Amino acid sequence: EVQLVESGGGSVQGGGSLRLSCQASGVSFDDYAIGWFRQAPGKDLEGVSCFTPTDGKTYYADSVKGRFTLSSDKAKNMMFLQMNSLQPEDSAVYHCAADWGFCGGILAMKDGGASVDYKGQGTQVIVSS
């Protein structure tokens, strides 16, 4: 059984930082693209960042580039999202996700992410101005 469990969300003032964690089980980081997406109230799902094992590259949405960093610890099957210089528009529920081979599904999050193999329940991030 595949499980993705997020932690690390919370409330922070604008300009602050948070580090989200995702504990994965049942998926291999060698086979699955791993990443994060978010959903803000009243907005579509947004792919935030993703790592593709096929080419070893990490991708970021333009809205977070230069502020967020995705990393992983393969030995512990954990994934992290370091979020710096947080802004109120970053407030959302953040979910980790895993998709076979490629990042396209996680970054696009079309149709509510229906094509993405596995998604966690999410952790809330609130950024105040």
Foldseek 3Di string as FASTA:
>chain_A
DWAWAKDWADEEAAQAKTKMKIQIPPDAVLWKKKAKWWDDPPDAIAQAKIAANVVRDIDGDPVQPPFWDWDADRVRRMIMIIGGRDDQVVWTWMKMFIATGDCVLRRVCPPVSPRTDDIHPTDTHGYHD
